[in-house]
Amino acid sequence: MRKLKIFICTIVGALCGALLMYLLLPAICNYFVGPVYGEDQMSVNAAIFFIGTPVMFLIGAVVGWFLGWKYIKRPADRAC
């Protein structure tokens, strides 16, 4: 059961990481690219999205796994 809980924490963390990238995408693109005047800027925005989302997905999965591993106690570790 502990492994399933850690797996669920990992999945939730990965989804939160991808959602965070999706929510921060306009601010990141505005900071690095600026206003869009042509296809070149749109291509850079797409590259930021297609590279950043999997990276944030993996970072979120690692953070979710670590927090799940840290806070979900083993049955032997629980106080009676």
PDB file of N, CA and C in Angstrom:
ATOM      1  N   MET A   1       0.823  -1.190   0.000  1.00  0.00           N
ATOM      2  CA  MET A   1       0.000   0.000   0.000  1.00  0.00           C
ATOM      3  C   MET A   1       0.871   1.260   0.000  1.00  0.00           C
ATOM      4  N   ARG A   2       2.018   1.166   0.676  1.00  0.00           N
ATOM      5  CA  ARG A   2       2.916   2.314   0.753  1.00  0.00           C
ATOM      6  C   ARG A   2       3.439   2.677  -0.638  1.00  0.00           C
ATOM      7  N   LYS A   3       3.794   1.668  -1.428  1.00  0.00           N
ATOM      8  CA  LYS A   3       4.303   1.925  -2.771  1.00  0.00           C
ATOM      9  C   LYS A   3       3.243   2.570  -3.664  1.00  0.00           C
ATOM     10  N   LEU A   4       2.003   2.166  -3.506  1.00  0.00           N
ATOM     11  CA  LEU A   4       0.917   2.755  -4.275  1.00  0.00           C
ATOM     12  C   LEU A   4       0.725   4.221  -3.900  1.00  0.00           C
ATOM     13  N   LYS A   5       0.812   4.539  -2.627  1.00  0.00           N
ATOM     14  CA  LYS A   5       0.677   5.926  -2.186  1.00  0.00           C
ATOM     15  C   LYS A   5       1.825   6.778  -2.729  1.00  0.00           C
ATOM     16  N   ILE A   6       3.020   6.239  -2.717  1.00  0.00           N
ATOM     17  CA  ILE A   6       4.160   6.979  -3.259  1.00  0.00           C
ATOM     18  C   ILE A   6       4.006   7.163  -4.766  1.00  0.00           C
ATOM     19  N   PHE A   7       3.499   6.155  -5.451  1.00  0.00           N
ATOM     20  CA  PHE A   7       3.248   6.260  -6.887  1.00  0.00           C
ATOM     21  C   PHE A   7       2.208   7.339  -7.178  1.00  0.00           C
ATOM     22  N   ILE A   8       1.158   7.391  -6.390  1.00  0.00           N
ATOM     23  CA  ILE A   8       0.129   8.419  -6.569  1.00  0.00           C
ATOM     24  C   ILE A   8       0.708   9.801  -6.315  1.00  0.00           C
ATOM     25  N   CYS A   9       1.554   9.938  -5.296  1.00  0.00           N
ATOM     26  CA  CYS A   9       2.224  11.219  -5.041  1.00  0.00           C
ATOM     27  C   CYS A   9       3.095  11.620  -6.223  1.00  0.00           C
ATOM     28  N   THR A  10       3.749  10.645  -6.829  1.00  0.00           N
ATOM     29  CA  THR A  10       4.597  10.928  -7.991  1.00  0.00           C
ATOM     30  C   THR A  10       3.759  11.414  -9.170  1.00  0.00           C
ATOM     31  N   ILE A  11       2.654  10.764  -9.425  1.00  0.00           N
ATOM     32  CA  ILE A  11       1.775  11.171 -10.529  1.00  0.00           C
ATOM     33  C   ILE A  11       1.193  12.556 -10.284  1.00  0.00           C
ATOM     34  N   VAL A  12       0.739  12.807  -9.065  1.00  0.00           N
ATOM     35  CA  VAL A  12       0.178  14.121  -8.741  1.00  0.00           C
ATOM     36  C   VAL A  12       1.252  15.201  -8.864  1.00  0.00           C
ATOM     37  N   GLY A  13       2.461  14.917  -8.406  1.00  0.00           N
ATOM     38  CA  GLY A  13       3.550  15.874  -8.539  1.00  0.00           C
ATOM     39  C   GLY A  13       3.885  16.169  -9.990  1.00  0.00           C
ATOM     40  N   ALA A  14       3.882  15.140 -10.820  1.00  0.00           N
ATOM     41  CA  ALA A  14       4.169  15.331 -12.243  1.00  0.00           C
ATOM     42  C   ALA A  14       3.090  16.187 -12.906  1.00  0.00           C
ATOM     43  N   LEU A  15       1.856  15.928 -12.583  1.00  0.00           N
ATOM     44  CA  LEU A  15       0.772  16.733 -13.153  1.00  0.00           C
ATOM     45  C   LEU A  15       0.824  18.171 -12.661  1.00  0.00           C
ATOM     46  N   CYS A  16       1.174  18.359 -11.403  1.00  0.00           N
ATOM     47  CA  CYS A  16       1.312  19.718 -10.871  1.00  0.00           C
ATOM     48  C   CYS A  16       2.463  20.451 -11.549  1.00  0.00           C
ATOM     49  N   GLY A  17       3.556  19.751 -11.824  1.00  0.00           N
ATOM     50  CA  GLY A  17       4.670  20.373 -12.537  1.00  0.00           C
ATOM     51  C   GLY A  17       4.287  20.802 -13.941  1.00  0.00           C
ATOM     52  N   ALA A  18       3.577  19.942 -14.655  1.00  0.00           N
ATOM     53  CA  ALA A  18       3.134  20.285 -16.010  1.00  0.00           C
ATOM     54  C   ALA A  18       2.127  21.433 -15.976  1.00  0.00           C
ATOM     55  N   LEU A  19       1.237  21.428 -15.007  1.00  0.00           N
ATOM     56  CA  LEU A  19       0.267  22.511 -14.865  1.00  0.00           C
ATOM     57  C   LEU A  19       0.959  23.823 -14.534  1.00  0.00           C
ATOM     58  N   LEU A  20       1.979  23.766 -13.701  1.00  0.00           N
ATOM     59  CA  LEU A  20       2.733  24.970 -13.368  1.00  0.00           C
ATOM     60  C   LEU A  20       3.403  25.551 -14.612  1.00  0.00           C
ATOM     61  N   MET A  21       3.952  24.709 -15.448  1.00  0.00           N
ATOM     62  CA  MET A  21       4.557  25.190 -16.692  1.00  0.00           C
ATOM     63  C   MET A  21       3.503  25.808 -17.590  1.00  0.00           C
ATOM     64  N   TYR A  22       2.349  25.192 -17.664  1.00  0.00           N
ATOM     65  CA  TYR A  22       1.266  25.712 -18.498  1.00  0.00           C
ATOM     66  C   TYR A  22       0.805  27.079 -17.993  1.00  0.00           C
ATOM     67  N   LEU A  23       0.735  27.230 -16.670  1.00  0.00           N
ATOM     68  CA  LEU A  23       0.272  28.496 -16.101  1.00  0.00           C
ATOM     69  C   LEU A  23       1.328  29.599 -16.212  1.00  0.00           C
ATOM     70  N   LEU A  24       2.593  29.236 -16.110  1.00  0.00           N
ATOM     71  CA  LEU A  24       3.661  30.229 -16.167  1.00  0.00           C
ATOM     72  C   LEU A  24       4.156  30.503 -17.583  1.00  0.00           C
ATOM     73  N   LEU A  25       3.663  29.769 -18.559  1.00  0.00           N
ATOM     74  CA  LEU A  25       4.135  29.912 -19.937  1.00  0.00           C
ATOM     75  C   LEU A  25       4.009  31.337 -20.471  1.00  0.00           C
ATOM     76  N   PRO A  26       2.902  32.037 -20.300  1.00  0.00           N
ATOM     77  CA  PRO A  26       2.841  33.406 -20.834  1.00  0.00           C
ATOM     78  C   PRO A  26       3.893  34.333 -20.229  1.00  0.00           C
ATOM     79  N   ALA A  27       4.120  34.221 -18.931  1.00  0.00           N
ATOM     80  CA  ALA A  27       5.118  35.080 -18.289  1.00  0.00           C
ATOM     81  C   ALA A  27       6.529  34.731 -18.758  1.00  0.00           C
ATOM     82  N   ILE A  28       6.826  33.444 -18.880  1.00  0.00           N
ATOM     83  CA  ILE A  28       8.153  33.012 -19.335  1.00  0.00           C
ATOM     84  C   ILE A  28       8.393  33.458 -20.780  1.00  0.00           C
ATOM     85  N   CYS A  29       7.407  33.249 -21.631  1.00  0.00           N
ATOM     86  CA  CYS A  29       7.563  33.646 -23.034  1.00  0.00           C
ATOM     87  C   CYS A  29       7.682  35.161 -23.172  1.00  0.00           C
ATOM     88  N   ASN A  30       6.924  35.900 -22.375  1.00  0.00           N
ATOM     89  CA  ASN A  30       7.009  37.355 -22.438  1.00  0.00           C
ATOM     90  C   ASN A  30       8.375  37.838 -21.970  1.00  0.00           C
ATOM     91  N   TYR A  31       8.947  37.180 -20.970  1.00  0.00           N
ATOM     92  CA  TYR A  31      10.249  37.584 -20.452  1.00  0.00           C
ATOM     93  C   TYR A  31      11.367  37.275 -21.445  1.00  0.00           C
ATOM     94  N   PHE A  32      11.368  36.082 -22.018  1.00  0.00           N
ATOM     95  CA  PHE A  32      12.461  35.675 -22.899  1.00  0.00           C
ATOM     96  C   PHE A  32      12.284  36.119 -24.345  1.00  0.00           C
ATOM     97  N   VAL A  33      11.054  36.136 -24.839  1.00  0.00           N
ATOM     98  CA  VAL A  33      10.823  36.408 -26.258  1.00  0.00           C
ATOM     99  C   VAL A  33      10.305  37.817 -26.478  1.00  0.00           C
ATOM    100  N   GLY A  34       9.421  38.280 -25.619  1.00  0.00           N
ATOM    101  CA  GLY A  34       8.805  39.581 -25.803  1.00  0.00           C
ATOM    102  C   GLY A  34       7.561  39.463 -26.658  1.00  0.00           C
ATOM    103  N   PRO A  35       7.090  40.581 -27.174  1.00  0.00           N
ATOM    104  CA  PRO A  35       5.878  40.535 -28.000  1.00  0.00           C
ATOM    105  C   PRO A  35       6.114  39.776 -29.305  1.00  0.00           C
ATOM    106  N   VAL A  36       5.066  39.125 -29.768  1.00  0.00           N
ATOM    107  CA  VAL A  36       5.160  38.290 -30.965  1.00  0.00           C
ATOM    108  C   VAL A  36       4.840  39.141 -32.186  1.00  0.00           C
ATOM    109  N   TYR A  37       5.809  39.233 -33.095  1.00  0.00           N
ATOM    110  CA  TYR A  37       5.615  39.980 -34.337  1.00  0.00           C
ATOM    111  C   TYR A  37       5.675  39.094 -35.567  1.00  0.00           C
ATOM    112  N   GLY A  38       6.079  37.853 -35.403  1.00  0.00           N
ATOM    113  CA  GLY A  38       6.179  37.001 -36.580  1.00  0.00           C
ATOM    114  C   GLY A  38       6.276  35.540 -36.193  1.00  0.00           C
ATOM    115  N   GLU A  39       6.533  34.742 -37.214  1.00  0.00           N
ATOM    116  CA  GLU A  39       6.567  33.300 -37.000  1.00  0.00           C
ATOM    117  C   GLU A  39       7.781  32.864 -36.179  1.00  0.00           C
ATOM    118  N   ASP A  40       8.853  33.618 -36.231  1.00  0.00           N
ATOM    119  CA  ASP A  40      10.045  33.256 -35.465  1.00  0.00           C
ATOM    120  C   ASP A  40       9.761  33.277 -33.965  1.00  0.00           C
ATOM    121  N   GLN A  41       9.074  34.316 -33.506  1.00  0.00           N
ATOM    122  CA  GLN A  41       8.743  34.398 -32.086  1.00  0.00           C
ATOM    123  C   GLN A  41       7.760  33.304 -31.679  1.00  0.00           C
ATOM    124  N   MET A  42       6.832  32.972 -32.565  1.00  0.00           N
ATOM    125  CA  MET A  42       5.889  31.904 -32.248  1.00  0.00           C
ATOM    126  C   MET A  42       6.603  30.563 -32.171  1.00  0.00           C
ATOM    127  N   SER A  43       7.602  30.355 -33.019  1.00  0.00           N
ATOM    128  CA  SER A  43       8.362  29.112 -32.979  1.00  0.00           C
ATOM    129  C   SER A  43       9.170  28.996 -31.689  1.00  0.00           C
ATOM    130  N   VAL A  44       9.717  30.111 -31.229  1.00  0.00           N
ATOM    131  CA  VAL A  44      10.461  30.090 -29.967  1.00  0.00           C
ATOM    132  C   VAL A  44       9.515  29.817 -28.808  1.00  0.00           C
ATOM    133  N   ASN A  45       8.330  30.399 -28.833  1.00  0.00           N
ATOM    134  CA  ASN A  45       7.338  30.126 -27.787  1.00  0.00           C
ATOM    135  C   ASN A  45       6.952  28.654 -27.773  1.00  0.00           C
ATOM    136  N   ALA A  46       6.780  28.068 -28.944  1.00  0.00           N
ATOM    137  CA  ALA A  46       6.450  26.640 -29.024  1.00  0.00           C
ATOM    138  C   ALA A  46       7.601  25.790 -28.511  1.00  0.00           C
ATOM    139  N   ALA A  47       8.826  26.182 -28.825  1.00  0.00           N
ATOM    140  CA  ALA A  47       9.986  25.438 -28.332  1.00  0.00           C
ATOM    141  C   ALA A  47      10.063  25.507 -26.811  1.00  0.00           C
ATOM    142  N   ILE A  48       9.799  26.676 -26.252  1.00  0.00           N
ATOM    143  CA  ILE A  48       9.788  26.815 -24.789  1.00  0.00           C
ATOM    144  C   ILE A  48       8.732  25.890 -24.191  1.00  0.00           C
ATOM    145  N   PHE A  49       7.570  25.827 -24.799  1.00  0.00           N
ATOM    146  CA  PHE A  49       6.503  24.971 -24.283  1.00  0.00           C
ATOM    147  C   PHE A  49       6.850  23.494 -24.412  1.00  0.00           C
ATOM    148  N   PHE A  50       7.340  23.087 -25.585  1.00  0.00           N
ATOM    149  CA  PHE A  50       7.591  21.665 -25.815  1.00  0.00           C
ATOM    150  C   PHE A  50       8.837  21.146 -25.104  1.00  0.00           C
ATOM    151  N   ILE A  51       9.721  22.023 -24.724  1.00  0.00           N
ATOM    152  CA  ILE A  51      10.879  21.618 -23.928  1.00  0.00           C
ATOM    153  C   ILE A  51      10.590  21.761 -22.444  1.00  0.00           C
ATOM    154  N   GLY A  52       9.936  22.838 -22.075  1.00  0.00           N
ATOM    155  CA  GLY A  52       9.697  23.129 -20.661  1.00  0.00           C
ATOM    156  C   GLY A  52       8.682  22.215 -20.000  1.00  0.00           C
ATOM    157  N   THR A  53       7.652  21.816 -20.720  1.00  0.00           N
ATOM    158  CA  THR A  53       6.618  20.986 -20.110  1.00  0.00           C
ATOM    159  C   THR A  53       7.136  19.607 -19.689  1.00  0.00           C
ATOM    160  N   PRO A  54       7.863  18.866 -20.526  1.00  0.00           N
ATOM    161  CA  PRO A  54       8.405  17.586 -20.038  1.00  0.00           C
ATOM    162  C   PRO A  54       9.419  17.753 -18.908  1.00  0.00           C
ATOM    163  N   VAL A  55      10.203  18.833 -18.968  1.00  0.00           N
ATOM    164  CA  VAL A  55      11.171  19.070 -17.896  1.00  0.00           C
ATOM    165  C   VAL A  55      10.446  19.318 -16.580  1.00  0.00           C
ATOM    166  N   MET A  56       9.427  20.160 -16.612  1.00  0.00           N
ATOM    167  CA  MET A  56       8.661  20.428 -15.385  1.00  0.00           C
ATOM    168  C   MET A  56       7.879  19.193 -14.947  1.00  0.00           C
ATOM    169  N   PHE A  57       7.435  18.372 -15.892  1.00  0.00           N
ATOM    170  CA  PHE A  57       6.768  17.114 -15.572  1.00  0.00           C
ATOM    171  C   PHE A  57       7.708  16.210 -14.785  1.00  0.00           C
ATOM    172  N   LEU A  58       8.951  16.095 -15.243  1.00  0.00           N
ATOM    173  CA  LEU A  58       9.927  15.250 -14.550  1.00  0.00           C
ATOM    174  C   LEU A  58      10.318  15.829 -13.198  1.00  0.00           C
ATOM    175  N   ILE A  59      10.512  17.130 -13.129  1.00  0.00           N
ATOM    176  CA  ILE A  59      10.846  17.757 -11.844  1.00  0.00           C
ATOM    177  C   ILE A  59       9.708  17.571 -10.853  1.00  0.00           C
ATOM    178  N   GLY A  60       8.469  17.749 -11.308  1.00  0.00           N
ATOM    179  CA  GLY A  60       7.317  17.534 -10.438  1.00  0.00           C
ATOM    180  C   GLY A  60       7.209  16.095  -9.980  1.00  0.00           C
ATOM    181  N   ALA A  61       7.531  15.154 -10.859  1.00  0.00           N
ATOM    182  CA  ALA A  61       7.499  13.735 -10.474  1.00  0.00           C
ATOM    183  C   ALA A  61       8.541  13.431  -9.416  1.00  0.00           C
ATOM    184  N   VAL A  62       9.740  13.981  -9.567  1.00  0.00           N
ATOM    185  CA  VAL A  62      10.790  13.753  -8.579  1.00  0.00           C
ATOM    186  C   VAL A  62      10.413  14.374  -7.235  1.00  0.00           C
ATOM    187  N   VAL A  63       9.882  15.573  -7.265  1.00  0.00           N
ATOM    188  CA  VAL A  63       9.464  16.224  -6.019  1.00  0.00           C
ATOM    189  C   VAL A  63       8.322  15.450  -5.365  1.00  0.00           C
ATOM    190  N   GLY A  64       7.348  15.009  -6.157  1.00  0.00           N
ATOM    191  CA  GLY A  64       6.245  14.214  -5.616  1.00  0.00           C
ATOM    192  C   GLY A  64       6.713  12.905  -5.028  1.00  0.00           C
ATOM    193  N   TRP A  65       7.649  12.234  -5.716  1.00  0.00           N
ATOM    194  CA  TRP A  65       8.196  10.985  -5.189  1.00  0.00           C
ATOM    195  C   TRP A  65       8.936  11.226  -3.885  1.00  0.00           C
ATOM    196  N   PHE A  66       9.755  12.277  -3.839  1.00  0.00           N
ATOM    197  CA  PHE A  66      10.524  12.556  -2.635  1.00  0.00           C
ATOM    198  C   PHE A  66       9.611  12.888  -1.461  1.00  0.00           C
ATOM    199  N   LEU A  67       8.607  13.732  -1.689  1.00  0.00           N
ATOM    200  CA  LEU A  67       7.701  14.076  -0.588  1.00  0.00           C
ATOM    201  C   LEU A  67       6.875  12.877  -0.148  1.00  0.00           C
ATOM    202  N   GLY A  68       6.439  12.056  -1.108  1.00  0.00           N
ATOM    203  CA  GLY A  68       5.703  10.847  -0.748  1.00  0.00           C
ATOM    204  C   GLY A  68       6.564   9.879   0.040  1.00  0.00           C
ATOM    205  N   TRP A  69       7.800   9.711  -0.385  1.00  0.00           N
ATOM    206  CA  TRP A  69       8.731   8.816   0.297  1.00  0.00           C
ATOM    207  C   TRP A  69       9.047   9.322   1.703  1.00  0.00           C
ATOM    208  N   LYS A  70       9.119  10.633   1.845  1.00  0.00           N
ATOM    209  CA  LYS A  70       9.487  11.213   3.132  1.00  0.00           C
ATOM    210  C   LYS A  70       8.332  11.188   4.128  1.00  0.00           C
ATOM    211  N   TYR A  71       7.121  11.471   3.677  1.00  0.00           N
ATOM    212  CA  TYR A  71       6.011  11.662   4.604  1.00  0.00           C
ATOM    213  C   TYR A  71       5.097  10.456   4.774  1.00  0.00           C
ATOM    214  N   ILE A  72       5.180   9.480   3.893  1.00  0.00           N
ATOM    215  CA  ILE A  72       4.372   8.274   4.064  1.00  0.00           C
ATOM    216  C   ILE A  72       5.196   7.281   4.852  1.00  0.00           C
ATOM    217  N   LYS A  73       4.758   7.015   6.049  1.00  0.00           N
ATOM    218  CA  LYS A  73       5.540   6.183   6.970  1.00  0.00           C
ATOM    219  C   LYS A  73       5.356   4.703   6.664  1.00  0.00           C
ATOM    220  N   ARG A  74       6.384   3.944   6.991  1.00  0.00           N
ATOM    221  CA  ARG A  74       6.282   2.485   6.910  1.00  0.00           C
ATOM    222  C   ARG A  74       5.428   1.993   8.071  1.00  0.00           C
ATOM    223  N   PRO A  75       4.779   0.841   7.920  1.00  0.00           N
ATOM    224  CA  PRO A  75       3.961   0.332   9.039  1.00  0.00           C
ATOM    225  C   PRO A  75       4.761   0.135  10.325  1.00  0.00           C
ATOM    226  N   ALA A  76       6.027  -0.242  10.233  1.00  0.00           N
ATOM    227  CA  ALA A  76       6.846  -0.462  11.424  1.00  0.00           C
ATOM    228  C   ALA A  76       7.231   0.875  12.081  1.00  0.00           C
ATOM    229  N   ASP A  77       7.176   1.977  11.346  1.00  0.00           N
ATOM    230  CA  ASP A  77       7.594   3.255  11.898  1.00  0.00           C
ATOM    231  C   ASP A  77       6.486   3.947  12.690  1.00  0.00           C
ATOM    232  N   ARG A  78       5.284   3.466  12.582  1.00  0.00           N
ATOM    233  CA  ARG A  78       4.174   4.136  13.268  1.00  0.00           C
ATOM    234  C   ARG A  78       4.195   3.852  14.759  1.00  0.00           C
ATOM    235  N   ALA A  79       3.836   4.874  15.500  1.00  0.00           N
ATOM    236  CA  ALA A  79       3.768   4.694  16.964  1.00  0.00           C
ATOM    237  C   ALA A  79       2.458   4.011  17.327  1.00  0.00           C
ATOM    238  N   CYS A  80       2.503   3.151  18.321  1.00  0.00           N
ATOM    239  CA  CYS A  80       1.304   2.420  18.737  1.00  0.00           C
ATOM    240  C   CYS A  80       0.502   3.191  19.741  1.00  0.00           C
TER     241      CYS A  80
END
